[in-house]
Amino acid sequence: MGRGLGTGSDDDNCRIIQCTAGTVMVIVVSCGGVDFVHAHCRKAMIDPWGVYCGDPFRRASNAALTSTWAEPIPRGLFIFRPIRLEIVPEQDWMQRTG
């Protein structure tokens, strides 16, 4: 079987998750048993090949760590490795851009 084939018996091989107002998804990548927050997004499309995250952003801060904001990632994010998506409440810094 090729990549993306035989992943399940469901006829629909694509899932779309879109957060409601006031929530975002955290994209968590595990490396060596340690979880890392890779980015955040508000919508994702999952298929047998991987995950596409629309309008992703990362947390940025100033050098003194006294202010944080959402830094948009210029393009959509394609991930072709195991990840975990967690829906969490939106925080104030996620609404601000630098």
C-alpha atoms as a PDB file:
ATOM      1  CA  MET A   1       0.000   0.000   0.000  1.00  0.00           C
ATOM      2  CA  GLY A   2       1.160   3.519  -0.747  1.00  0.00           C
ATOM      3  CA  ARG A   3       1.274   6.405   1.641  1.00  0.00           C
ATOM      4  CA  GLY A   4      -2.201   7.604   2.532  1.00  0.00           C
ATOM      5  CA  LEU A   5      -3.917   4.351   1.494  1.00  0.00           C
ATOM      6  CA  GLY A   6      -5.653   1.916   3.799  1.00  0.00           C
ATOM      7  CA  THR A   7      -5.920   4.307   6.724  1.00  0.00           C
ATOM      8  CA  GLY A   8      -9.507   3.444   7.584  1.00  0.00           C
ATOM      9  CA  SER A   9     -12.832   2.129   6.379  1.00  0.00           C
ATOM     10  CA  ASP A  10     -14.586   5.503   6.247  1.00  0.00           C
ATOM     11  CA  ASP A  11     -15.398   6.654   2.702  1.00  0.00           C
ATOM     12  CA  ASP A  12     -14.650  10.289   3.595  1.00  0.00           C
ATOM     13  CA  ASN A  13     -10.860  10.559   3.813  1.00  0.00           C
ATOM     14  CA  CYS A  14     -10.751  14.238   4.788  1.00  0.00           C
ATOM     15  CA  ARG A  15     -11.759  16.034   7.988  1.00  0.00           C
ATOM     16  CA  ILE A  16     -12.030  19.762   8.558  1.00  0.00           C
ATOM     17  CA  ILE A  17     -11.890  21.260  12.036  1.00  0.00           C
ATOM     18  CA  GLN A  18     -12.768  24.920  12.521  1.00  0.00           C
ATOM     19  CA  CYS A  19     -12.722  26.551  15.938  1.00  0.00           C
ATOM     20  CA  THR A  20     -15.667  28.492  17.259  1.00  0.00           C
ATOM     21  CA  ALA A  21     -15.255  32.074  18.439  1.00  0.00           C
ATOM     22  CA  GLY A  22     -13.092  32.270  21.538  1.00  0.00           C
ATOM     23  CA  THR A  23     -11.087  29.094  20.854  1.00  0.00           C
ATOM     24  CA  VAL A  24      -7.940  28.156  18.913  1.00  0.00           C
ATOM     25  CA  MET A  25      -6.070  24.937  18.157  1.00  0.00           C
ATOM     26  CA  VAL A  26      -2.615  24.264  19.530  1.00  0.00           C
ATOM     27  CA  ILE A  27      -0.407  22.196  17.204  1.00  0.00           C
ATOM     28  CA  VAL A  28       1.708  19.933  19.412  1.00  0.00           C
ATOM     29  CA  VAL A  29       4.698  17.973  18.053  1.00  0.00           C
ATOM     30  CA  SER A  30       6.341  15.260  20.116  1.00  0.00           C
ATOM     31  CA  CYS A  31      10.098  14.793  19.847  1.00  0.00           C
ATOM     32  CA  GLY A  32      11.844  12.164  21.937  1.00  0.00           C
ATOM     33  CA  GLY A  33       8.819  11.885  24.208  1.00  0.00           C
ATOM     34  CA  VAL A  34       8.754  15.643  24.896  1.00  0.00           C
ATOM     35  CA  ASP A  35       5.822  17.746  23.624  1.00  0.00           C
ATOM     36  CA  PHE A  36       6.493  21.100  21.925  1.00  0.00           C
ATOM     37  CA  VAL A  37       3.996  23.739  20.821  1.00  0.00           C
ATOM     38  CA  HIS A  38       4.756  24.166  17.123  1.00  0.00           C
ATOM     39  CA  ALA A  39       2.120  26.805  16.308  1.00  0.00           C
ATOM     40  CA  HIS A  40      -1.549  27.738  16.705  1.00  0.00           C
ATOM     41  CA  CYS A  41      -4.369  27.924  14.163  1.00  0.00           C
ATOM     42  CA  ARG A  42      -8.121  28.312  13.939  1.00  0.00           C
ATOM     43  CA  LYS A  43      -8.828  25.763  11.194  1.00  0.00           C
ATOM     44  CA  ALA A  44      -7.246  22.525  10.025  1.00  0.00           C
ATOM     45  CA  MET A  45      -7.816  19.961   7.298  1.00  0.00           C
ATOM     46  CA  ILE A  46      -6.767  16.403   8.067  1.00  0.00           C
ATOM     47  CA  ASP A  47      -6.376  13.725   5.397  1.00  0.00           C
ATOM     48  CA  PRO A  48      -4.451  10.446   5.193  1.00  0.00           C
ATOM     49  CA  TRP A  49      -1.340  12.304   3.979  1.00  0.00           C
ATOM     50  CA  GLY A  50      -1.058  14.864   6.752  1.00  0.00           C
ATOM     51  CA  VAL A  51      -2.506  18.050   8.210  1.00  0.00           C
ATOM     52  CA  TYR A  52      -2.964  21.483   6.624  1.00  0.00           C
ATOM     53  CA  CYS A  53      -3.356  24.343   9.104  1.00  0.00           C
ATOM     54  CA  GLY A  54      -4.932  27.514   7.770  1.00  0.00           C
ATOM     55  CA  ASP A  55      -3.881  30.954   9.031  1.00  0.00           C
ATOM     56  CA  PRO A  56      -1.294  29.613  11.511  1.00  0.00           C
ATOM     57  CA  PHE A  57       0.510  31.851  13.979  1.00  0.00           C
ATOM     58  CA  ARG A  58       3.202  31.641  16.634  1.00  0.00           C
ATOM     59  CA  ARG A  59       3.698  33.413  19.930  1.00  0.00           C
ATOM     60  CA  ALA A  60       6.307  36.173  19.798  1.00  0.00           C
ATOM     61  CA  SER A  61       7.598  38.471  22.520  1.00  0.00           C
ATOM     62  CA  ASN A  62       9.970  41.375  23.038  1.00  0.00           C
ATOM     63  CA  ALA A  63      13.498  40.861  24.406  1.00  0.00           C
ATOM     64  CA  ALA A  64      12.439  41.768  27.945  1.00  0.00           C
ATOM     65  CA  LEU A  65       9.545  39.258  27.792  1.00  0.00           C
ATOM     66  CA  THR A  66       7.142  41.962  28.955  1.00  0.00           C
ATOM     67  CA  SER A  67       4.849  41.857  25.912  1.00  0.00           C
ATOM     68  CA  THR A  68       3.635  38.980  23.735  1.00  0.00           C
ATOM     69  CA  TRP A  69       1.639  38.876  20.498  1.00  0.00           C
ATOM     70  CA  ALA A  70       0.587  36.571  17.664  1.00  0.00           C
ATOM     71  CA  GLU A  71       3.056  36.461  14.776  1.00  0.00           C
ATOM     72  CA  PRO A  72       1.358  35.149  11.613  1.00  0.00           C
ATOM     73  CA  ILE A  73       3.127  32.459   9.606  1.00  0.00           C
ATOM     74  CA  PRO A  74       3.075  33.809   6.021  1.00  0.00           C
ATOM     75  CA  ARG A  75       1.545  30.736   4.364  1.00  0.00           C
ATOM     76  CA  GLY A  76      -0.565  27.807   5.434  1.00  0.00           C
ATOM     77  CA  LEU A  77       1.286  25.126   7.353  1.00  0.00           C
ATOM     78  CA  PHE A  78       1.543  21.579   5.939  1.00  0.00           C
ATOM     79  CA  ILE A  79       2.621  18.923   8.445  1.00  0.00           C
ATOM     80  CA  PHE A  80       3.494  15.400   7.334  1.00  0.00           C
ATOM     81  CA  ARG A  81       4.352  13.843  10.714  1.00  0.00           C
ATOM     82  CA  PRO A  82       2.343  12.762  13.743  1.00  0.00           C
ATOM     83  CA  ILE A  83       0.961  15.737  15.673  1.00  0.00           C
ATOM     84  CA  ARG A  84      -1.731  16.439  18.219  1.00  0.00           C
ATOM     85  CA  LEU A  85      -4.320  19.195  17.906  1.00  0.00           C
ATOM     86  CA  GLU A  86      -5.803  20.567  21.123  1.00  0.00           C
ATOM     87  CA  ILE A  87      -8.647  23.073  21.230  1.00  0.00           C
ATOM     88  CA  VAL A  88      -7.997  25.652  23.944  1.00  0.00           C
ATOM     89  CA  PRO A  89      -9.575  28.971  25.007  1.00  0.00           C
ATOM     90  CA  GLU A  90      -8.235  31.986  23.117  1.00  0.00           C
ATOM     91  CA  GLN A  91      -5.945  34.226  25.173  1.00  0.00           C
ATOM     92  CA  ASP A  92      -5.467  37.996  24.845  1.00  0.00           C
ATOM     93  CA  TRP A  93      -2.049  37.732  23.125  1.00  0.00           C
ATOM     94  CA  MET A  94      -3.585  35.609  20.338  1.00  0.00           C
ATOM     95  CA  GLN A  95      -5.703  38.569  19.211  1.00  0.00           C
ATOM     96  CA  ARG A  96      -2.784  41.018  18.949  1.00  0.00           C
ATOM     97  CA  THR A  97      -0.278  41.131  16.098  1.00  0.00           C
ATOM     98  CA  GLY A  98       3.194  42.631  16.319  1.00  0.00           C
END
